[in-house]
PDB file of N, CA and C in Angstrom:
ATOM      1  N   UNK A   1       0.851  -1.180   0.000  1.00  0.00           N
ATOM      2  CA  UNK A   1       0.000   0.000   0.000  1.00  0.00           C
ATOM      3  C   UNK A   1       0.896   1.242   0.000  1.00  0.00           C
ATOM      4  N   UNK A   2       0.545   2.196  -0.819  1.00  0.00           N
ATOM      5  CA  UNK A   2       1.314   3.444  -0.907  1.00  0.00           C
ATOM      6  C   UNK A   2       0.592   4.513  -0.107  1.00  0.00           C
ATOM      7  N   UNK A   3       1.354   5.199   0.746  1.00  0.00           N
ATOM      8  CA  UNK A   3       0.814   6.263   1.577  1.00  0.00           C
ATOM      9  C   UNK A   3       1.347   7.612   1.115  1.00  0.00           C
ATOM     10  N   UNK A   4       0.477   8.596   1.108  1.00  0.00           N
ATOM     11  CA  UNK A   4       0.862   9.990   0.860  1.00  0.00           C
ATOM     12  C   UNK A   4       1.199  10.617   2.208  1.00  0.00           C
ATOM     13  N   UNK A   5       2.332  11.310   2.272  1.00  0.00           N
ATOM     14  CA  UNK A   5       2.735  12.008   3.493  1.00  0.00           C
ATOM     15  C   UNK A   5       2.955  13.472   3.119  1.00  0.00           C
ATOM     16  N   UNK A   6       2.091  14.339   3.642  1.00  0.00           N
ATOM     17  CA  UNK A   6       2.156  15.752   3.291  1.00  0.00           C
ATOM     18  C   UNK A   6       2.471  16.642   4.466  1.00  0.00           C
ATOM     19  N   UNK A   7       2.633  17.929   4.182  1.00  0.00           N
ATOM     20  CA  UNK A   7       2.953  18.971   5.148  1.00  0.00           C
ATOM     21  C   UNK A   7       4.316  18.732   5.791  1.00  0.00           C
ATOM     22  N   UNK A   8       5.266  18.260   4.975  1.00  0.00           N
ATOM     23  CA  UNK A   8       6.608  17.992   5.480  1.00  0.00           C
ATOM     24  C   UNK A   8       7.428  19.270   5.567  1.00  0.00           C
ATOM     25  N   UNK A   9       8.249  19.329   6.581  1.00  0.00           N
ATOM     26  CA  UNK A   9       9.229  20.395   6.696  1.00  0.00           C
ATOM     27  C   UNK A   9      10.253  20.210   5.572  1.00  0.00           C
ATOM     28  N   UNK A  10      10.822  21.293   5.086  1.00  0.00           N
ATOM     29  CA  UNK A  10      11.822  21.192   4.022  1.00  0.00           C
ATOM     30  C   UNK A  10      13.100  20.524   4.507  1.00  0.00           C
ATOM     31  N   UNK A  11      13.274  20.406   5.830  1.00  0.00           N
ATOM     32  CA  UNK A  11      14.456  19.752   6.397  1.00  0.00           C
ATOM     33  C   UNK A  11      14.276  18.238   6.516  1.00  0.00           C
ATOM     34  N   UNK A  12      13.048  17.746   6.362  1.00  0.00           N
ATOM     35  CA  UNK A  12      12.777  16.313   6.508  1.00  0.00           C
ATOM     36  C   UNK A  12      13.435  15.532   5.376  1.00  0.00           C
ATOM     37  N   UNK A  13      14.084  14.420   5.741  1.00  0.00           N
ATOM     38  CA  UNK A  13      14.774  13.580   4.757  1.00  0.00           C
ATOM     39  C   UNK A  13      14.037  12.251   4.592  1.00  0.00           C
ATOM     40  N   UNK A  14      14.411  11.512   3.546  1.00  0.00           N
ATOM     41  CA  UNK A  14      13.848  10.182   3.343  1.00  0.00           C
ATOM     42  C   UNK A  14      14.188   9.282   4.524  1.00  0.00           C
ATOM     43  N   UNK A  15      15.387   9.435   5.090  1.00  0.00           N
ATOM     44  CA  UNK A  15      15.782   8.627   6.251  1.00  0.00           C
ATOM     45  C   UNK A  15      14.903   8.924   7.461  1.00  0.00           C
ATOM     46  N   UNK A  16      14.544  10.196   7.660  1.00  0.00           N
ATOM     47  CA  UNK A  16      13.637  10.557   8.760  1.00  0.00           C
ATOM     48  C   UNK A  16      12.317   9.812   8.621  1.00  0.00           C
ATOM     49  N   UNK A  17      11.783   9.803   7.405  1.00  0.00           N
ATOM     50  CA  UNK A  17      10.503   9.139   7.158  1.00  0.00           C
ATOM     51  C   UNK A  17      10.626   7.623   7.301  1.00  0.00           C
ATOM     52  N   UNK A  18      11.723   7.078   6.797  1.00  0.00           N
ATOM     53  CA  UNK A  18      11.966   5.638   6.914  1.00  0.00           C
ATOM     54  C   UNK A  18      11.959   5.238   8.388  1.00  0.00           C
ATOM     55  N   UNK A  19      12.706   5.968   9.214  1.00  0.00           N
ATOM     56  CA  UNK A  19      12.788   5.656  10.646  1.00  0.00           C
ATOM     57  C   UNK A  19      11.427   5.776  11.319  1.00  0.00           C
ATOM     58  N   UNK A  20      10.669   6.810  10.972  1.00  0.00           N
ATOM     59  CA  UNK A  20       9.369   7.042  11.583  1.00  0.00           C
ATOM     60  C   UNK A  20       8.366   5.944  11.224  1.00  0.00           C
ATOM     61  N   UNK A  21       8.291   5.599   9.946  1.00  0.00           N
ATOM     62  CA  UNK A  21       7.309   4.614   9.498  1.00  0.00           C
ATOM     63  C   UNK A  21       7.697   3.187   9.885  1.00  0.00           C
ATOM     64  N   UNK A  22       8.990   2.910  10.019  1.00  0.00           N
ATOM     65  CA  UNK A  22       9.419   1.573  10.422  1.00  0.00           C
ATOM     66  C   UNK A  22       8.982   1.225  11.839  1.00  0.00           C
ATOM     67  N   UNK A  23       8.606   2.206  12.622  1.00  0.00           N
ATOM     68  CA  UNK A  23       8.079   1.938  13.956  1.00  0.00           C
ATOM     69  C   UNK A  23       6.735   1.218  13.873  1.00  0.00           C
ATOM     70  N   UNK A  24       6.123   1.219  12.689  1.00  0.00           N
ATOM     71  CA  UNK A  24       4.790   0.631  12.514  1.00  0.00           C
ATOM     72  C   UNK A  24       4.786  -0.556  11.560  1.00  0.00           C
ATOM     73  N   UNK A  25       5.945  -0.907  11.008  1.00  0.00           N
ATOM     74  CA  UNK A  25       6.015  -2.053  10.114  1.00  0.00           C
ATOM     75  C   UNK A  25       7.158  -1.929   9.121  1.00  0.00           C
ATOM     76  N   UNK A  26       7.181  -2.842   8.187  1.00  0.00           N
ATOM     77  CA  UNK A  26       8.246  -2.892   7.192  1.00  0.00           C
ATOM     78  C   UNK A  26       7.984  -1.887   6.076  1.00  0.00           C
ATOM     79  N   UNK A  27       8.964  -1.026   5.846  1.00  0.00           N
ATOM     80  CA  UNK A  27       8.873  -0.008   4.797  1.00  0.00           C
ATOM     81  C   UNK A  27       9.591  -0.537   3.564  1.00  0.00           C
ATOM     82  N   UNK A  28       8.889  -0.557   2.446  1.00  0.00           N
ATOM     83  CA  UNK A  28       9.457  -1.034   1.197  1.00  0.00           C
ATOM     84  C   UNK A  28      10.206   0.083   0.465  1.00  0.00           C
ATOM     85  N   UNK A  29       9.618   1.297   0.456  1.00  0.00           N
ATOM     86  CA  UNK A  29      10.227   2.410  -0.286  1.00  0.00           C
ATOM     87  C   UNK A  29       9.747   3.740   0.274  1.00  0.00           C
ATOM     88  N   UNK A  30      10.655   4.718   0.277  1.00  0.00           N
ATOM     89  CA  UNK A  30      10.315   6.090   0.630  1.00  0.00           C
ATOM     90  C   UNK A  30      10.771   6.965  -0.537  1.00  0.00           C
ATOM     91  N   UNK A  31       9.859   7.806  -1.028  1.00  0.00           N
ATOM     92  CA  UNK A  31      10.211   8.693  -2.147  1.00  0.00           C
ATOM     93  C   UNK A  31       9.799  10.118  -1.803  1.00  0.00           C
ATOM     94  N   UNK A  32      10.788  10.936  -1.436  1.00  0.00           N
ATOM     95  CA  UNK A  32      10.566  12.344  -1.126  1.00  0.00           C
ATOM     96  C   UNK A  32      10.567  13.111  -2.441  1.00  0.00           C
ATOM     97  N   UNK A  33       9.499  13.835  -2.700  1.00  0.00           N
ATOM     98  CA  UNK A  33       9.367  14.554  -3.967  1.00  0.00           C
ATOM     99  C   UNK A  33      10.204  15.832  -3.918  1.00  0.00           C
ATOM    100  N   UNK A  34      11.043  16.011  -4.945  1.00  0.00           N
ATOM    101  CA  UNK A  34      11.952  17.146  -5.013  1.00  0.00           C
ATOM    102  C   UNK A  34      11.610  18.029  -6.212  1.00  0.00           C
ATOM    103  N   UNK A  35      11.820  19.324  -6.060  1.00  0.00           N
ATOM    104  CA  UNK A  35      11.627  20.273  -7.150  1.00  0.00           C
ATOM    105  C   UNK A  35      12.794  20.124  -8.133  1.00  0.00           C
ATOM    106  N   UNK A  36      12.488  19.936  -9.404  1.00  0.00           N
ATOM    107  CA  UNK A  36      13.541  19.735 -10.407  1.00  0.00           C
ATOM    108  C   UNK A  36      14.440  20.950 -10.573  1.00  0.00           C
ATOM    109  N   UNK A  37      13.862  22.124 -10.444  1.00  0.00           N
ATOM    110  CA  UNK A  37      14.619  23.351 -10.688  1.00  0.00           C
ATOM    111  C   UNK A  37      15.536  23.707  -9.508  1.00  0.00           C
ATOM    112  N   UNK A  38      15.011  23.595  -8.290  1.00  0.00           N
ATOM    113  CA  UNK A  38      15.777  24.044  -7.118  1.00  0.00           C
ATOM    114  C   UNK A  38      16.481  22.908  -6.392  1.00  0.00           C
ATOM    115  N   UNK A  39      16.018  21.672  -6.592  1.00  0.00           N
ATOM    116  CA  UNK A  39      16.601  20.541  -5.881  1.00  0.00           C
ATOM    117  C   UNK A  39      16.134  20.443  -4.437  1.00  0.00           C
ATOM    118  N   UNK A  40      15.168  21.286  -4.053  1.00  0.00           N
ATOM    119  CA  UNK A  40      14.655  21.274  -2.681  1.00  0.00           C
ATOM    120  C   UNK A  40      13.389  20.439  -2.604  1.00  0.00           C
ATOM    121  N   UNK A  41      13.070  20.010  -1.391  1.00  0.00           N
ATOM    122  CA  UNK A  41      11.867  19.225  -1.145  1.00  0.00           C
ATOM    123  C   UNK A  41      10.628  20.004  -1.553  1.00  0.00           C
ATOM    124  N   UNK A  42       9.625  19.286  -2.075  1.00  0.00           N
ATOM    125  CA  UNK A  42       8.339  19.905  -2.414  1.00  0.00           C
ATOM    126  C   UNK A  42       7.366  19.817  -1.245  1.00  0.00           C
ATOM    127  N   UNK A  43       7.794  19.208  -0.144  1.00  0.00           N
ATOM    128  CA  UNK A  43       6.962  19.175   1.061  1.00  0.00           C
ATOM    129  C   UNK A  43       6.043  17.981   1.172  1.00  0.00           C
ATOM    130  N   UNK A  44       6.232  16.981   0.290  1.00  0.00           N
ATOM    131  CA  UNK A  44       5.449  15.758   0.426  1.00  0.00           C
ATOM    132  C   UNK A  44       6.256  14.567  -0.069  1.00  0.00           C
ATOM    133  N   UNK A  45       5.790  13.377   0.332  1.00  0.00           N
ATOM    134  CA  UNK A  45       6.496  12.144  -0.016  1.00  0.00           C
ATOM    135  C   UNK A  45       5.499  11.007  -0.140  1.00  0.00           C
ATOM    136  N   UNK A  46       5.989   9.893  -0.657  1.00  0.00           N
ATOM    137  CA  UNK A  46       5.214   8.663  -0.714  1.00  0.00           C
ATOM    138  C   UNK A  46       5.996   7.574  -0.001  1.00  0.00           C
ATOM    139  N   UNK A  47       5.304   6.841   0.868  1.00  0.00           N
ATOM    140  CA  UNK A  47       5.903   5.734   1.601  1.00  0.00           C
ATOM    141  C   UNK A  47       5.134   4.481   1.215  1.00  0.00           C
ATOM    142  N   UNK A  48       5.856   3.455   0.761  1.00  0.00           N
ATOM    143  CA  UNK A  48       5.222   2.201   0.375  1.00  0.00           C
ATOM    144  C   UNK A  48       5.529   1.135   1.415  1.00  0.00           C
ATOM    145  N   UNK A  49       4.471   0.499   1.892  1.00  0.00           N
ATOM    146  CA  UNK A  49       4.588  -0.602   2.849  1.00  0.00           C
ATOM    147  C   UNK A  49       3.882  -1.811   2.233  1.00  0.00           C
ATOM    148  N   UNK A  50       4.499  -2.990   2.330  1.00  0.00           N
ATOM    149  CA  UNK A  50       3.933  -4.187   1.707  1.00  0.00           C
ATOM    150  C   UNK A  50       2.683  -4.692   2.404  1.00  0.00           C
ATOM    151  N   UNK A  51       2.606  -4.524   3.711  1.00  0.00           N
ATOM    152  CA  UNK A  51       1.494  -5.058   4.486  1.00  0.00           C
ATOM    153  C   UNK A  51       0.437  -3.971   4.707  1.00  0.00           C
ATOM    154  N   UNK A  52      -0.780  -4.199   4.199  1.00  0.00           N
ATOM    155  CA  UNK A  52      -1.846  -3.196   4.309  1.00  0.00           C
ATOM    156  C   UNK A  52      -2.226  -2.911   5.753  1.00  0.00           C
ATOM    157  N   UNK A  53      -2.201  -3.926   6.604  1.00  0.00           N
ATOM    158  CA  UNK A  53      -2.541  -3.733   8.017  1.00  0.00           C
ATOM    159  C   UNK A  53      -1.535  -2.800   8.676  1.00  0.00           C
ATOM    160  N   UNK A  54      -0.247  -3.010   8.398  1.00  0.00           N
ATOM    161  CA  UNK A  54       0.799  -2.142   8.950  1.00  0.00           C
ATOM    162  C   UNK A  54       0.677  -0.738   8.376  1.00  0.00           C
ATOM    163  N   UNK A  55       0.375  -0.632   7.093  1.00  0.00           N
ATOM    164  CA  UNK A  55       0.242   0.682   6.456  1.00  0.00           C
ATOM    165  C   UNK A  55      -0.926   1.455   7.056  1.00  0.00           C
ATOM    166  N   UNK A  56      -2.049   0.782   7.261  1.00  0.00           N
ATOM    167  CA  UNK A  56      -3.213   1.440   7.878  1.00  0.00           C
ATOM    168  C   UNK A  56      -2.902   1.870   9.304  1.00  0.00           C
ATOM    169  N   UNK A  57      -2.175   1.026  10.046  1.00  0.00           N
ATOM    170  CA  UNK A  57      -1.789   1.370  11.422  1.00  0.00           C
ATOM    171  C   UNK A  57      -0.864   2.586  11.423  1.00  0.00           C
ATOM    172  N   UNK A  58       0.076   2.622  10.482  1.00  0.00           N
ATOM    173  CA  UNK A  58       1.001   3.756  10.382  1.00  0.00           C
ATOM    174  C   UNK A  58       0.242   5.033  10.042  1.00  0.00           C
ATOM    175  N   UNK A  59      -0.686   4.947   9.091  1.00  0.00           N
ATOM    176  CA  UNK A  59      -1.464   6.125   8.687  1.00  0.00           C
ATOM    177  C   UNK A  59      -2.275   6.655   9.865  1.00  0.00           C
ATOM    178  N   UNK A  60      -2.918   5.755  10.608  1.00  0.00           N
ATOM    179  CA  UNK A  60      -3.720   6.172  11.765  1.00  0.00           C
ATOM    180  C   UNK A  60      -2.860   6.807  12.845  1.00  0.00           C
ATOM    181  N   UNK A  61      -1.717   6.194  13.106  1.00  0.00           N
ATOM    182  CA  UNK A  61      -0.852   6.675  14.182  1.00  0.00           C
ATOM    183  C   UNK A  61      -0.129   7.977  13.825  1.00  0.00           C
ATOM    184  N   UNK A  62       0.223   8.135  12.550  1.00  0.00           N
ATOM    185  CA  UNK A  62       1.084   9.260  12.168  1.00  0.00           C
ATOM    186  C   UNK A  62       0.350  10.452  11.568  1.00  0.00           C
ATOM    187  N   UNK A  63      -0.914  10.295  11.204  1.00  0.00           N
ATOM    188  CA  UNK A  63      -1.673  11.446  10.702  1.00  0.00           C
ATOM    189  C   UNK A  63      -1.835  12.436  11.856  1.00  0.00           C
ATOM    190  N   UNK A  64      -1.301  13.644  11.684  1.00  0.00           N
ATOM    191  CA  UNK A  64      -1.338  14.648  12.741  1.00  0.00           C
ATOM    192  C   UNK A  64      -0.110  14.617  13.639  1.00  0.00           C
ATOM    193  N   UNK A  65       0.739  13.593  13.482  1.00  0.00           N
ATOM    194  CA  UNK A  65       1.975  13.481  14.269  1.00  0.00           C
ATOM    195  C   UNK A  65       2.927  14.621  13.880  1.00  0.00           C
ATOM    196  N   UNK A  66       3.585  15.201  14.854  1.00  0.00           N
ATOM    197  CA  UNK A  66       4.501  16.298  14.573  1.00  0.00           C
ATOM    198  C   UNK A  66       5.899  15.775  14.256  1.00  0.00           C
ATOM    199  N   UNK A  67       6.449  16.235  13.145  1.00  0.00           N
ATOM    200  CA  UNK A  67       7.807  15.887  12.725  1.00  0.00           C
ATOM    201  C   UNK A  67       8.482  17.163  12.242  1.00  0.00           C
ATOM    202  N   UNK A  68       9.603  17.494  12.860  1.00  0.00           N
ATOM    203  CA  UNK A  68      10.345  18.720  12.513  1.00  0.00           C
ATOM    204  C   UNK A  68       9.459  19.959  12.552  1.00  0.00           C
ATOM    205  N   UNK A  69       8.576  20.014  13.557  1.00  0.00           N
ATOM    206  CA  UNK A  69       7.744  21.192  13.764  1.00  0.00           C
ATOM    207  C   UNK A  69       6.503  21.274  12.900  1.00  0.00           C
ATOM    208  N   UNK A  70       6.201  20.232  12.141  1.00  0.00           N
ATOM    209  CA  UNK A  70       5.029  20.242  11.261  1.00  0.00           C
ATOM    210  C   UNK A  70       4.143  19.040  11.572  1.00  0.00           C
ATOM    211  N   UNK A  71       2.815  19.262  11.570  1.00  0.00           N
ATOM    212  CA  UNK A  71       1.859  18.176  11.765  1.00  0.00           C
ATOM    213  C   UNK A  71       1.657  17.459  10.431  1.00  0.00           C
ATOM    214  N   UNK A  72       2.011  16.184  10.369  1.00  0.00           N
ATOM    215  CA  UNK A  72       1.944  15.420   9.129  1.00  0.00           C
ATOM    216  C   UNK A  72       0.508  15.133   8.699  1.00  0.00           C
ATOM    217  N   UNK A  73       0.327  15.064   7.401  1.00  0.00           N
ATOM    218  CA  UNK A  73      -0.911  14.573   6.807  1.00  0.00           C
ATOM    219  C   UNK A  73      -0.559  13.230   6.183  1.00  0.00           C
ATOM    220  N   UNK A  74      -1.180  12.160   6.673  1.00  0.00           N
ATOM    221  CA  UNK A  74      -0.878  10.822   6.155  1.00  0.00           C
ATOM    222  C   UNK A  74      -2.180  10.140   5.771  1.00  0.00           C
ATOM    223  N   UNK A  75      -2.260   9.699   4.511  1.00  0.00           N
ATOM    224  CA  UNK A  75      -3.414   8.924   4.063  1.00  0.00           C
ATOM    225  C   UNK A  75      -3.019   8.067   2.873  1.00  0.00           C
ATOM    226  N   UNK A  76      -3.934   7.197   2.475  1.00  0.00           N
ATOM    227  CA  UNK A  76      -3.646   6.327   1.341  1.00  0.00           C
ATOM    228  C   UNK A  76      -3.501   7.172   0.081  1.00  0.00           C
ATOM    229  N   UNK A  77      -2.441   6.899  -0.673  1.00  0.00           N
ATOM    230  CA  UNK A  77      -2.196   7.651  -1.905  1.00  0.00           C
ATOM    231  C   UNK A  77      -3.249   7.295  -2.940  1.00  0.00           C
ATOM    232  N   UNK A  78      -3.704   8.301  -3.655  1.00  0.00           N
ATOM    233  CA  UNK A  78      -4.666   8.114  -4.739  1.00  0.00           C
ATOM    234  C   UNK A  78      -3.919   8.237  -6.061  1.00  0.00           C
ATOM    235  N   UNK A  79      -4.434   7.585  -7.091  1.00  0.00           N
ATOM    236  CA  UNK A  79      -3.789   7.712  -8.409  1.00  0.00           C
ATOM    237  C   UNK A  79      -3.779   9.170  -8.862  1.00  0.00           C
ATOM    238  N   UNK A  80      -2.733   9.524  -9.560  1.00  0.00           N
ATOM    239  CA  UNK A  80      -2.605  10.890 -10.062  1.00  0.00           C
ATOM    240  C   UNK A  80      -3.671  11.145 -11.118  1.00  0.00           C
ATOM    241  N   UNK A  81      -4.345  12.278 -10.988  1.00  0.00           N
ATOM    242  CA  UNK A  81      -5.384  12.632 -11.957  1.00  0.00           C
ATOM    243  C   UNK A  81      -4.738  13.118 -13.241  1.00  0.00           C
ATOM    244  N   UNK A  82      -5.318  12.705 -14.347  1.00  0.00           N
ATOM    245  CA  UNK A  82      -4.841  13.162 -15.645  1.00  0.00           C
ATOM    246  C   UNK A  82      -5.299  14.602 -15.857  1.00  0.00           C
ATOM    247  N   UNK A  83      -4.350  15.469 -16.144  1.00  0.00           N
ATOM    248  CA  UNK A  83      -4.694  16.859 -16.427  1.00  0.00           C
ATOM    249  C   UNK A  83      -4.698  17.056 -17.935  1.00  0.00           C
ATOM    250  N   UNK A  84      -5.772  17.587 -18.484  1.00  0.00           N
ATOM    251  CA  UNK A  84      -5.816  17.782 -19.942  1.00  0.00           C
ATOM    252  C   UNK A  84      -4.807  18.848 -20.371  1.00  0.00           C
ATOM    253  N   UNK A  85      -4.158  18.575 -21.479  1.00  0.00           N
ATOM    254  CA  UNK A  85      -3.209  19.551 -22.025  1.00  0.00           C
ATOM    255  C   UNK A  85      -3.949  20.491 -22.952  1.00  0.00           C
ATOM    256  N   UNK A  86      -3.629  21.766 -22.893  1.00  0.00           N
ATOM    257  CA  UNK A  86      -4.280  22.725 -23.795  1.00  0.00           C
ATOM    258  C   UNK A  86      -4.005  22.371 -25.253  1.00  0.00           C
ATOM    259  N   UNK A  87      -5.032  22.463 -26.083  1.00  0.00           N
ATOM    260  CA  UNK A  87      -4.885  22.142 -27.497  1.00  0.00           C
ATOM    261  C   UNK A  87      -4.021  23.191 -28.189  1.00  0.00           C
ATOM    262  N   UNK A  88      -3.152  22.711 -29.061  1.00  0.00           N
ATOM    263  CA  UNK A  88      -2.335  23.617 -29.854  1.00  0.00           C
ATOM    264  C   UNK A  88      -1.108  24.140 -29.127  1.00  0.00           C
ATOM    265  N   UNK A  89      -0.968  23.821 -27.891  1.00  0.00           N
ATOM    266  CA  UNK A  89       0.193  24.311 -27.141  1.00  0.00           C
ATOM    267  C   UNK A  89       1.150  23.151 -26.907  1.00  0.00           C
ATOM    268  N   UNK A  90       2.336  23.253 -27.451  1.00  0.00           N
ATOM    269  CA  UNK A  90       3.324  22.184 -27.298  1.00  0.00           C
ATOM    270  C   UNK A  90       4.500  22.716 -26.510  1.00  0.00           C
ATOM    271  N   UNK A  91       5.035  21.867 -25.669  1.00  0.00           N
ATOM    272  CA  UNK A  91       6.174  22.280 -24.829  1.00  0.00           C
ATOM    273  C   UNK A  91       7.422  21.579 -25.318  1.00  0.00           C
ATOM    274  N   UNK A  92       8.001  22.073 -26.347  1.00  0.00           N
ATOM    275  CA  UNK A  92       9.222  21.492 -26.882  1.00  0.00           C
ATOM    276  C   UNK A  92      10.366  22.450 -26.598  1.00  0.00           C
ATOM    277  N   UNK A  93      11.413  21.906 -26.010  1.00  0.00           N
ATOM    278  CA  UNK A  93      12.568  22.728 -25.691  1.00  0.00           C
ATOM    279  C   UNK A  93      13.751  22.354 -26.570  1.00  0.00           C
ATOM    280  N   UNK A  94      13.529  21.512 -27.551  1.00  0.00           N
ATOM    281  CA  UNK A  94      14.591  21.100 -28.469  1.00  0.00           C
ATOM    282  C   UNK A  94      15.023  22.310 -29.283  1.00  0.00           C
ATOM    283  N   UNK A  95      16.295  22.543 -29.301  1.00  0.00           N
ATOM    284  CA  UNK A  95      16.838  23.639 -30.093  1.00  0.00           C
ATOM    285  C   UNK A  95      16.581  25.006 -29.480  1.00  0.00           C
ATOM    286  N   UNK A  96      16.165  25.057 -28.253  1.00  0.00           N
ATOM    287  CA  UNK A  96      15.889  26.327 -27.581  1.00  0.00           C
ATOM    288  C   UNK A  96      17.196  27.080 -27.358  1.00  0.00           C
ATOM    289  N   UNK A  97      17.241  28.334 -27.809  1.00  0.00           N
ATOM    290  CA  UNK A  97      18.441  29.156 -27.625  1.00  0.00           C
ATOM    291  C   UNK A  97      18.056  30.491 -27.050  1.00  0.00           C
ATOM    292  N   UNK A  98      18.969  31.049 -26.305  1.00  0.00           N
ATOM    293  CA  UNK A  98      18.756  32.398 -25.765  1.00  0.00           C
ATOM    294  C   UNK A  98      19.588  33.373 -26.519  1.00  0.00           C
TER     295      UNK A  98
END
């Protein structure tokens, strides 16, 4: 089960999340989302746990839990919604020169 973890402090690391969630079960993967341009945290992450019972227990226990001065938002991750692309607008950066 994949969990969404939001409202993260910019100082929070993947290791911090791994340690926190491992208190509730086996963590398969932690993926802290980073901004491509700045290289800084975007303030949310995804934690994958193989056992749904452990994942639900972690979500219940850690939703609202304070980490690095921020109250976490933890819930089951939902599939990303498809955003329609505007017609006629293409984002090609090939051959882009200043």
